[in-house]
């Protein structure tokens, strides 16, 4: 396995073809959690799930 220690440029993962700046499901879920925290709504499963299924446009 090659180890990259130079962070001066984007290095694409050899198996996942997500370009620079591409979104992943993990990133979208992290954004949804952050938006929930900012909204100051109660921390319930229903509130969190609604953030996961609401489109981010």
N, C-alpha and C. Protein backbone atom coordinates (compact mmCIF):
# COMPACT_ATOMS: atom_id res chain seq x y z
N UNK A 1 0.84 -1.17 0.00
CA UNK A 1 0.00 0.00 0.00
C UNK A 1 0.89 1.24 0.00
N UNK A 2 0.58 2.16 -0.86
CA UNK A 2 1.36 3.39 -0.96
C UNK A 2 0.88 4.38 0.10
N UNK A 3 1.80 5.00 0.79
CA UNK A 3 1.46 6.01 1.79
C UNK A 3 1.83 7.37 1.24
N UNK A 4 0.85 8.28 1.24
CA UNK A 4 1.08 9.63 0.75
C UNK A 4 1.34 10.55 1.92
N UNK A 5 2.49 11.21 1.90
CA UNK A 5 2.84 12.15 2.96
C UNK A 5 2.86 13.58 2.45
N UNK A 6 2.60 13.76 1.17
CA UNK A 6 2.60 15.08 0.56
C UNK A 6 1.15 15.54 0.40
N UNK A 7 0.73 16.53 1.17
CA UNK A 7 -0.64 17.00 1.12
C UNK A 7 -0.80 18.26 0.26
N UNK A 8 0.11 18.47 -0.64
CA UNK A 8 0.07 19.68 -1.47
C UNK A 8 -0.95 19.56 -2.60
N UNK A 9 -1.46 18.37 -2.86
CA UNK A 9 -2.43 18.18 -3.93
C UNK A 9 -3.39 17.06 -3.56
N UNK A 10 -4.55 17.06 -4.19
CA UNK A 10 -5.55 16.02 -3.97
C UNK A 10 -5.05 14.70 -4.55
N UNK A 11 -5.18 13.62 -3.79
CA UNK A 11 -4.80 12.29 -4.25
C UNK A 11 -6.06 11.45 -4.24
N UNK A 12 -6.47 10.98 -5.41
CA UNK A 12 -7.69 10.18 -5.53
C UNK A 12 -7.47 8.79 -4.94
N UNK A 13 -8.51 8.28 -4.26
CA UNK A 13 -8.46 6.94 -3.71
C UNK A 13 -8.42 5.95 -4.88
N UNK A 14 -7.62 4.91 -4.82
CA UNK A 14 -7.48 4.00 -5.97
C UNK A 14 -8.75 3.21 -6.30
N UNK A 15 -9.63 2.98 -5.32
CA UNK A 15 -10.85 2.20 -5.58
C UNK A 15 -12.12 3.02 -5.68
N UNK A 16 -12.12 4.24 -5.15
CA UNK A 16 -13.33 5.07 -5.13
C UNK A 16 -13.10 6.29 -6.00
N UNK A 17 -13.87 6.41 -7.03
CA UNK A 17 -13.68 7.50 -8.00
C UNK A 17 -14.50 8.73 -7.63
N UNK A 18 -14.19 9.33 -6.49
CA UNK A 18 -14.83 10.56 -6.06
C UNK A 18 -13.81 11.68 -6.29
N UNK A 19 -14.16 12.59 -7.14
CA UNK A 19 -13.24 13.67 -7.47
C UNK A 19 -13.07 14.67 -6.34
N UNK A 20 -12.16 15.55 -6.51
CA UNK A 20 -11.91 16.61 -5.54
C UNK A 20 -13.18 17.41 -5.31
N UNK A 21 -13.58 17.57 -4.07
CA UNK A 21 -14.78 18.31 -3.73
C UNK A 21 -16.06 17.52 -3.83
N UNK A 22 -15.96 16.23 -4.12
CA UNK A 22 -17.15 15.38 -4.24
C UNK A 22 -17.74 15.06 -2.88
N UNK A 23 -19.05 14.88 -2.86
CA UNK A 23 -19.75 14.56 -1.61
C UNK A 23 -19.85 13.06 -1.41
N UNK A 24 -19.82 12.65 -0.16
CA UNK A 24 -20.06 11.27 0.20
C UNK A 24 -21.27 11.22 1.12
N UNK A 25 -21.82 10.04 1.35
CA UNK A 25 -22.95 9.93 2.26
C UNK A 25 -22.54 10.30 3.69
N UNK A 26 -21.30 9.99 4.07
CA UNK A 26 -20.83 10.36 5.41
C UNK A 26 -20.77 11.87 5.58
N UNK A 27 -20.33 12.57 4.54
CA UNK A 27 -20.27 14.02 4.61
C UNK A 27 -21.67 14.61 4.73
N UNK A 28 -22.61 14.10 3.94
CA UNK A 28 -23.98 14.60 3.99
C UNK A 28 -24.62 14.33 5.35
N UNK A 29 -24.34 13.19 5.95
CA UNK A 29 -24.89 12.89 7.27
C UNK A 29 -24.25 13.79 8.34
N UNK A 30 -22.97 14.09 8.21
CA UNK A 30 -22.32 15.01 9.15
C UNK A 30 -22.91 16.41 9.05
N UNK A 31 -23.19 16.85 7.84
CA UNK A 31 -23.82 18.16 7.63
C UNK A 31 -25.21 18.17 8.27
N UNK A 32 -25.97 17.09 8.08
CA UNK A 32 -27.31 17.00 8.66
C UNK A 32 -27.26 17.09 10.18
N UNK A 33 -26.30 16.43 10.81
CA UNK A 33 -26.16 16.48 12.27
C UNK A 33 -25.78 17.90 12.71
N UNK A 34 -24.87 18.54 11.98
CA UNK A 34 -24.49 19.91 12.33
C UNK A 34 -25.68 20.85 12.21
N UNK A 35 -26.48 20.70 11.15
CA UNK A 35 -27.67 21.54 10.98
C UNK A 35 -28.67 21.30 12.11
N UNK A 36 -28.80 20.06 12.56
CA UNK A 36 -29.69 19.74 13.67
C UNK A 36 -29.21 20.41 14.94
N UNK A 37 -27.90 20.38 15.19
CA UNK A 37 -27.36 21.02 16.39
C UNK A 37 -27.58 22.53 16.37
N UNK A 38 -27.41 23.14 15.22
CA UNK A 38 -27.61 24.58 15.09
C UNK A 38 -29.07 24.96 15.29
N UNK A 39 -29.98 24.09 14.85
CA UNK A 39 -31.41 24.39 14.94
C UNK A 39 -31.93 24.41 16.38
N UNK A 40 -31.21 23.82 17.29
CA UNK A 40 -31.56 23.74 18.71
C UNK A 40 -32.87 22.99 18.96
N UNK A 41 -33.28 22.13 18.02
CA UNK A 41 -34.43 21.27 18.24
C UNK A 41 -34.03 20.15 19.20
N UNK A 42 -35.02 19.51 19.79
CA UNK A 42 -34.72 18.39 20.68
C UNK A 42 -33.98 17.29 19.94
N UNK A 43 -33.11 16.59 20.66
CA UNK A 43 -32.33 15.50 20.07
C UNK A 43 -33.17 14.24 20.15
N UNK A 44 -33.99 14.01 19.12
CA UNK A 44 -34.80 12.81 19.06
C UNK A 44 -34.51 12.09 17.75
N UNK A 45 -34.86 10.81 17.72
CA UNK A 45 -34.64 10.03 16.51
C UNK A 45 -35.43 10.61 15.34
N UNK A 46 -36.64 11.06 15.61
CA UNK A 46 -37.48 11.61 14.55
C UNK A 46 -36.88 12.86 13.93
N UNK A 47 -36.37 13.75 14.77
CA UNK A 47 -35.76 14.99 14.27
C UNK A 47 -34.51 14.67 13.45
N UNK A 48 -33.68 13.76 13.95
CA UNK A 48 -32.45 13.41 13.24
C UNK A 48 -32.75 12.71 11.91
N UNK A 49 -33.68 11.77 11.92
CA UNK A 49 -34.04 11.07 10.69
C UNK A 49 -34.60 12.05 9.66
N UNK A 50 -35.40 13.01 10.11
CA UNK A 50 -35.96 13.97 9.16
C UNK A 50 -34.85 14.78 8.50
N UNK A 51 -33.76 15.04 9.21
CA UNK A 51 -32.61 15.74 8.61
C UNK A 51 -31.88 14.85 7.61
N UNK A 52 -31.84 13.54 7.85
CA UNK A 52 -31.16 12.62 6.95
C UNK A 52 -31.91 12.44 5.62
N UNK A 53 -33.23 12.50 5.67
CA UNK A 53 -34.01 12.23 4.46
C UNK A 53 -34.44 13.49 3.70
N UNK A 54 -34.18 14.67 4.28
CA UNK A 54 -34.53 15.92 3.61
C UNK A 54 -33.42 16.25 2.59
N UNK A 55 -33.77 16.47 1.32
CA UNK A 55 -32.75 16.79 0.32
C UNK A 55 -32.02 18.09 0.65
N UNK A 56 -30.74 18.13 0.37
CA UNK A 56 -29.92 19.34 0.58
C UNK A 56 -29.66 19.99 -0.77
N UNK A 57 -30.48 20.94 -1.13
CA UNK A 57 -30.30 21.63 -2.40
C UNK A 57 -29.96 23.06 -2.18
